[in-house]
C-alpha atoms as a PDB file:
ATOM      1  CA  UNK A   1      51.524  32.718  61.229  1.00  0.00           C
ATOM      2  CA  UNK A   2      50.978  31.481  57.711  1.00  0.00           C
ATOM      3  CA  UNK A   3      52.726  30.752  54.468  1.00  0.00           C
ATOM      4  CA  UNK A   4      51.803  33.323  51.832  1.00  0.00           C
ATOM      5  CA  UNK A   5      52.069  32.774  48.083  1.00  0.00           C
ATOM      6  CA  UNK A   6      55.232  34.221  46.516  1.00  0.00           C
ATOM      7  CA  UNK A   7      54.519  36.800  43.802  1.00  0.00           C
ATOM      8  CA  UNK A   8      56.196  36.004  40.480  1.00  0.00           C
ATOM      9  CA  UNK A   9      57.731  38.341  37.922  1.00  0.00           C
ATOM     10  CA  UNK A  10      56.183  40.237  36.046  1.00  0.00           C
ATOM     11  CA  UNK A  11      53.726  41.158  38.849  1.00  0.00           C
ATOM     12  CA  UNK A  12      53.791  45.001  39.118  1.00  0.00           C
ATOM     13  CA  UNK A  13      54.252  44.966  42.911  1.00  0.00           C
ATOM     14  CA  UNK A  14      57.802  43.710  42.266  1.00  0.00           C
ATOM     15  CA  UNK A  15      58.574  46.896  40.292  1.00  0.00           C
ATOM     16  CA  UNK A  16      57.061  49.400  42.719  1.00  0.00           C
ATOM     17  CA  UNK A  17      59.049  51.352  45.286  1.00  0.00           C
ATOM     18  CA  UNK A  18      57.882  50.023  48.654  1.00  0.00           C
ATOM     19  CA  UNK A  19      56.436  52.376  51.245  1.00  0.00           C
ATOM     20  CA  UNK A  20      58.276  53.061  54.511  1.00  0.00           C
ATOM     21  CA  UNK A  21      56.816  51.461  57.624  1.00  0.00           C
ATOM     22  CA  UNK A  22      55.441  54.006  60.090  1.00  0.00           C
ATOM     23  CA  UNK A  23      53.249  51.835  62.311  1.00  0.00           C
ATOM     24  CA  UNK A  24      54.798  49.117  64.480  1.00  0.00           C
ATOM     25  CA  UNK A  25      51.661  47.174  65.279  1.00  0.00           C
ATOM     26  CA  UNK A  26      50.168  43.681  65.167  1.00  0.00           C
ATOM     27  CA  UNK A  27      49.643  43.927  61.400  1.00  0.00           C
ATOM     28  CA  UNK A  28      53.389  44.437  60.910  1.00  0.00           C
ATOM     29  CA  UNK A  29      54.236  41.646  63.366  1.00  0.00           C
ATOM     30  CA  UNK A  30      51.925  39.246  61.489  1.00  0.00           C
ATOM     31  CA  UNK A  31      53.565  40.233  58.189  1.00  0.00           C
ATOM     32  CA  UNK A  32      57.040  39.542  59.642  1.00  0.00           C
ATOM     33  CA  UNK A  33      55.938  36.160  61.029  1.00  0.00           C
ATOM     34  CA  UNK A  34      54.261  35.207  57.735  1.00  0.00           C
ATOM     35  CA  UNK A  35      57.292  36.286  55.731  1.00  0.00           C
ATOM     36  CA  UNK A  36      59.590  34.089  57.840  1.00  0.00           C
ATOM     37  CA  UNK A  37      57.214  31.136  57.478  1.00  0.00           C
ATOM     38  CA  UNK A  38      57.031  31.717  53.732  1.00  0.00           C
ATOM     39  CA  UNK A  39      60.812  32.041  53.314  1.00  0.00           C
ATOM     40  CA  UNK A  40      61.416  28.788  55.184  1.00  0.00           C
ATOM     41  CA  UNK A  41      58.616  26.954  53.365  1.00  0.00           C
ATOM     42  CA  UNK A  42      60.074  27.973  49.975  1.00  0.00           C
ATOM     43  CA  UNK A  43      63.635  27.108  51.129  1.00  0.00           C
ATOM     44  CA  UNK A  44      64.825  30.684  50.637  1.00  0.00           C
ATOM     45  CA  UNK A  45      67.411  32.605  52.663  1.00  0.00           C
ATOM     46  CA  UNK A  46      65.786  36.002  52.229  1.00  0.00           C
ATOM     47  CA  UNK A  47      62.420  37.504  51.380  1.00  0.00           C
ATOM     48  CA  UNK A  48      61.136  41.027  50.846  1.00  0.00           C
ATOM     49  CA  UNK A  49      57.547  42.124  51.557  1.00  0.00           C
ATOM     50  CA  UNK A  50      56.801  42.902  47.866  1.00  0.00           C
ATOM     51  CA  UNK A  51      57.436  39.232  47.149  1.00  0.00           C
ATOM     52  CA  UNK A  52      54.342  38.383  49.169  1.00  0.00           C
ATOM     53  CA  UNK A  53      52.371  41.215  47.571  1.00  0.00           C
ATOM     54  CA  UNK A  54      52.909  43.837  50.302  1.00  0.00           C
ATOM     55  CA  UNK A  55      54.553  47.092  49.208  1.00  0.00           C
ATOM     56  CA  UNK A  56      56.305  47.906  52.478  1.00  0.00           C
ATOM     57  CA  UNK A  57      59.987  48.283  53.309  1.00  0.00           C
ATOM     58  CA  UNK A  58      60.358  45.009  55.211  1.00  0.00           C
ATOM     59  CA  UNK A  59      62.781  42.106  54.685  1.00  0.00           C
ATOM     60  CA  UNK A  60      63.654  38.880  56.473  1.00  0.00           C
ATOM     61  CA  UNK A  61      66.932  36.981  56.083  1.00  0.00           C
ATOM     62  CA  UNK A  62      68.262  33.760  57.544  1.00  0.00           C
ATOM     63  CA  UNK A  63      71.629  32.880  56.044  1.00  0.00           C
ATOM     64  CA  UNK A  64      71.991  29.966  58.452  1.00  0.00           C
ATOM     65  CA  UNK A  65      75.508  30.733  59.657  1.00  0.00           C
ATOM     66  CA  UNK A  66      77.301  32.368  62.575  1.00  0.00           C
ATOM     67  CA  UNK A  67      75.100  35.457  62.233  1.00  0.00           C
ATOM     68  CA  UNK A  68      72.481  33.717  64.296  1.00  0.00           C
ATOM     69  CA  UNK A  69      69.233  32.815  62.595  1.00  0.00           C
ATOM     70  CA  UNK A  70      66.387  35.034  61.492  1.00  0.00           C
ATOM     71  CA  UNK A  71      67.045  38.725  60.997  1.00  0.00           C
ATOM     72  CA  UNK A  72      64.068  41.041  60.501  1.00  0.00           C
ATOM     73  CA  UNK A  73      64.694  44.465  59.003  1.00  0.00           C
ATOM     74  CA  UNK A  74      62.213  47.283  58.737  1.00  0.00           C
ATOM     75  CA  UNK A  75      63.083  50.349  56.657  1.00  0.00           C
ATOM     76  CA  UNK A  76      66.643  49.101  55.918  1.00  0.00           C
ATOM     77  CA  UNK A  77      69.177  51.536  54.465  1.00  0.00           C
ATOM     78  CA  UNK A  78      72.707  50.907  53.213  1.00  0.00           C
ATOM     79  CA  UNK A  79      74.849  53.572  54.907  1.00  0.00           C
ATOM     80  CA  UNK A  80      78.310  52.332  53.864  1.00  0.00           C
ATOM     81  CA  UNK A  81      79.556  49.973  51.167  1.00  0.00           C
ATOM     82  CA  UNK A  82      82.920  48.760  49.950  1.00  0.00           C
ATOM     83  CA  UNK A  83      84.601  46.192  47.740  1.00  0.00           C
ATOM     84  CA  UNK A  84      83.114  44.329  44.820  1.00  0.00           C
ATOM     85  CA  UNK A  85      82.541  40.693  43.944  1.00  0.00           C
ATOM     86  CA  UNK A  86      80.614  38.765  41.286  1.00  0.00           C
ATOM     87  CA  UNK A  87      78.652  35.686  42.344  1.00  0.00           C
ATOM     88  CA  UNK A  88      75.560  33.701  41.407  1.00  0.00           C
ATOM     89  CA  UNK A  89      72.054  34.675  42.520  1.00  0.00           C
ATOM     90  CA  UNK A  90      68.563  33.299  42.201  1.00  0.00           C
ATOM     91  CA  UNK A  91      65.169  34.564  43.296  1.00  0.00           C
ATOM     92  CA  UNK A  92      61.984  32.967  44.569  1.00  0.00           C
ATOM     93  CA  UNK A  93      60.049  35.395  42.344  1.00  0.00           C
ATOM     94  CA  UNK A  94      61.963  34.248  39.234  1.00  0.00           C
ATOM     95  CA  UNK A  95      62.035  30.439  39.538  1.00  0.00           C
ATOM     96  CA  UNK A  96      64.253  28.352  37.269  1.00  0.00           C
ATOM     97  CA  UNK A  97      66.763  31.123  36.499  1.00  0.00           C
ATOM     98  CA  UNK A  98      70.144  32.102  37.915  1.00  0.00           C
ATOM     99  CA  UNK A  99      72.550  34.886  37.081  1.00  0.00           C
ATOM    100  CA  UNK A 100      75.923  36.364  37.934  1.00  0.00           C
ATOM    101  CA  UNK A 101      75.635  39.738  39.654  1.00  0.00           C
ATOM    102  CA  UNK A 102      78.265  42.192  40.852  1.00  0.00           C
ATOM    103  CA  UNK A 103      77.588  43.397  44.413  1.00  0.00           C
ATOM    104  CA  UNK A 104      79.427  45.224  47.165  1.00  0.00           C
ATOM    105  CA  UNK A 105      81.470  42.901  49.372  1.00  0.00           C
ATOM    106  CA  UNK A 106      80.865  44.707  52.672  1.00  0.00           C
ATOM    107  CA  UNK A 107      78.013  46.877  53.927  1.00  0.00           C
ATOM    108  CA  UNK A 108      76.863  48.784  56.932  1.00  0.00           C
ATOM    109  CA  UNK A 109      73.088  48.649  57.238  1.00  0.00           C
ATOM    110  CA  UNK A 110      70.817  50.770  59.412  1.00  0.00           C
ATOM    111  CA  UNK A 111      67.330  49.453  60.097  1.00  0.00           C
ATOM    112  CA  UNK A 112      64.567  49.111  62.630  1.00  0.00           C
ATOM    113  CA  UNK A 113      63.248  45.978  64.288  1.00  0.00           C
ATOM    114  CA  UNK A 114      59.860  45.087  65.801  1.00  0.00           C
ATOM    115  CA  UNK A 115      60.522  47.259  68.822  1.00  0.00           C
ATOM    116  CA  UNK A 116      60.885  50.328  66.564  1.00  0.00           C
ATOM    117  CA  UNK A 117      64.476  50.900  67.698  1.00  0.00           C
ATOM    118  CA  UNK A 118      67.259  51.499  65.177  1.00  0.00           C
ATOM    119  CA  UNK A 119      70.148  49.057  64.822  1.00  0.00           C
ATOM    120  CA  UNK A 120      73.201  48.598  62.612  1.00  0.00           C
ATOM    121  CA  UNK A 121      74.724  45.477  61.080  1.00  0.00           C
ATOM    122  CA  UNK A 122      77.912  45.075  59.020  1.00  0.00           C
ATOM    123  CA  UNK A 123      77.568  41.981  56.816  1.00  0.00           C
ATOM    124  CA  UNK A 124      80.329  40.790  54.488  1.00  0.00           C
ATOM    125  CA  UNK A 125      80.641  38.377  51.593  1.00  0.00           C
ATOM    126  CA  UNK A 126      77.604  36.377  50.534  1.00  0.00           C
ATOM    127  CA  UNK A 127      75.690  37.571  53.600  1.00  0.00           C
ATOM    128  CA  UNK A 128      76.072  41.188  52.328  1.00  0.00           C
ATOM    129  CA  UNK A 129      74.900  40.017  48.887  1.00  0.00           C
ATOM    130  CA  UNK A 130      71.660  38.627  50.329  1.00  0.00           C
ATOM    131  CA  UNK A 131      70.831  41.951  51.993  1.00  0.00           C
ATOM    132  CA  UNK A 132      71.561  43.916  48.816  1.00  0.00           C
ATOM    133  CA  UNK A 133      69.330  41.566  46.820  1.00  0.00           C
ATOM    134  CA  UNK A 134      66.451  41.989  49.296  1.00  0.00           C
ATOM    135  CA  UNK A 135      66.831  45.755  49.603  1.00  0.00           C
ATOM    136  CA  UNK A 136      66.779  45.996  45.797  1.00  0.00           C
ATOM    137  CA  UNK A 137      63.316  44.400  45.939  1.00  0.00           C
ATOM    138  CA  UNK A 138      62.167  47.323  48.076  1.00  0.00           C
ATOM    139  CA  UNK A 139      63.205  49.675  45.267  1.00  0.00           C
ATOM    140  CA  UNK A 140      61.518  47.679  42.496  1.00  0.00           C
ATOM    141  CA  UNK A 141      64.814  46.216  41.253  1.00  0.00           C
ATOM    142  CA  UNK A 142      65.237  42.539  40.394  1.00  0.00           C
ATOM    143  CA  UNK A 143      68.604  40.808  40.237  1.00  0.00           C
ATOM    144  CA  UNK A 144      68.069  40.227  36.518  1.00  0.00           C
ATOM    145  CA  UNK A 145      68.257  44.021  36.057  1.00  0.00           C
ATOM    146  CA  UNK A 146      71.853  43.930  37.335  1.00  0.00           C
ATOM    147  CA  UNK A 147      72.944  40.518  36.099  1.00  0.00           C
ATOM    148  CA  UNK A 148      76.015  40.195  33.915  1.00  0.00           C
ATOM    149  CA  UNK A 149      74.367  37.089  32.484  1.00  0.00           C
ATOM    150  CA  UNK A 150      71.463  34.763  33.285  1.00  0.00           C
ATOM    151  CA  UNK A 151      70.937  31.090  32.602  1.00  0.00           C
ATOM    152  CA  UNK A 152      68.155  28.567  33.189  1.00  0.00           C
ATOM    153  CA  UNK A 153      68.584  25.789  35.688  1.00  0.00           C
ATOM    154  CA  UNK A 154      67.117  22.353  35.344  1.00  0.00           C
ATOM    155  CA  UNK A 155      64.142  21.486  37.547  1.00  0.00           C
ATOM    156  CA  UNK A 156      66.267  18.812  39.270  1.00  0.00           C
ATOM    157  CA  UNK A 157      68.830  21.472  40.197  1.00  0.00           C
ATOM    158  CA  UNK A 158      66.312  23.753  41.874  1.00  0.00           C
ATOM    159  CA  UNK A 159      66.197  21.729  45.088  1.00  0.00           C
ATOM    160  CA  UNK A 160      69.997  21.420  45.132  1.00  0.00           C
ATOM    161  CA  UNK A 161      70.762  25.120  44.732  1.00  0.00           C
ATOM    162  CA  UNK A 162      70.330  27.364  47.766  1.00  0.00           C
ATOM    163  CA  UNK A 163      68.177  30.335  46.798  1.00  0.00           C
ATOM    164  CA  UNK A 164      69.566  33.837  47.218  1.00  0.00           C
ATOM    165  CA  UNK A 165      66.062  34.641  48.165  1.00  0.00           C
END
């Protein structure tokens, strides 16, 4: 397990549509472990594989609440969505900037985990926002593409503000 450098905008890997994962092997497991280490090291709550330079449909999220720690998703798909809410987001790949983004309030997600089996999860509120943000990365979309507005944050605020990703 290792911390990988986070790719910054405007790196082209952030704008590419990530490839589906077809092989559940040690290379994938190492990527998942490294992504978790990287997310924690950068104090994020979510990270998508393109953010570490890997164009695969893989995300990790740890919202740190009752949902129970690290969640790894491979080939995630939003199968249901409802409601709407505007809230603030940030991104490890766009340091020093925040923005208000409208997102769905509730989702049903279908995804695979390390074992290759398919699972579903129904996040709500800010937890749903985090998943939408990360899945957007897999489609080459950054939160700034959807933001109602963006604004810089002071360097001193960066450590005080929990990253959306």
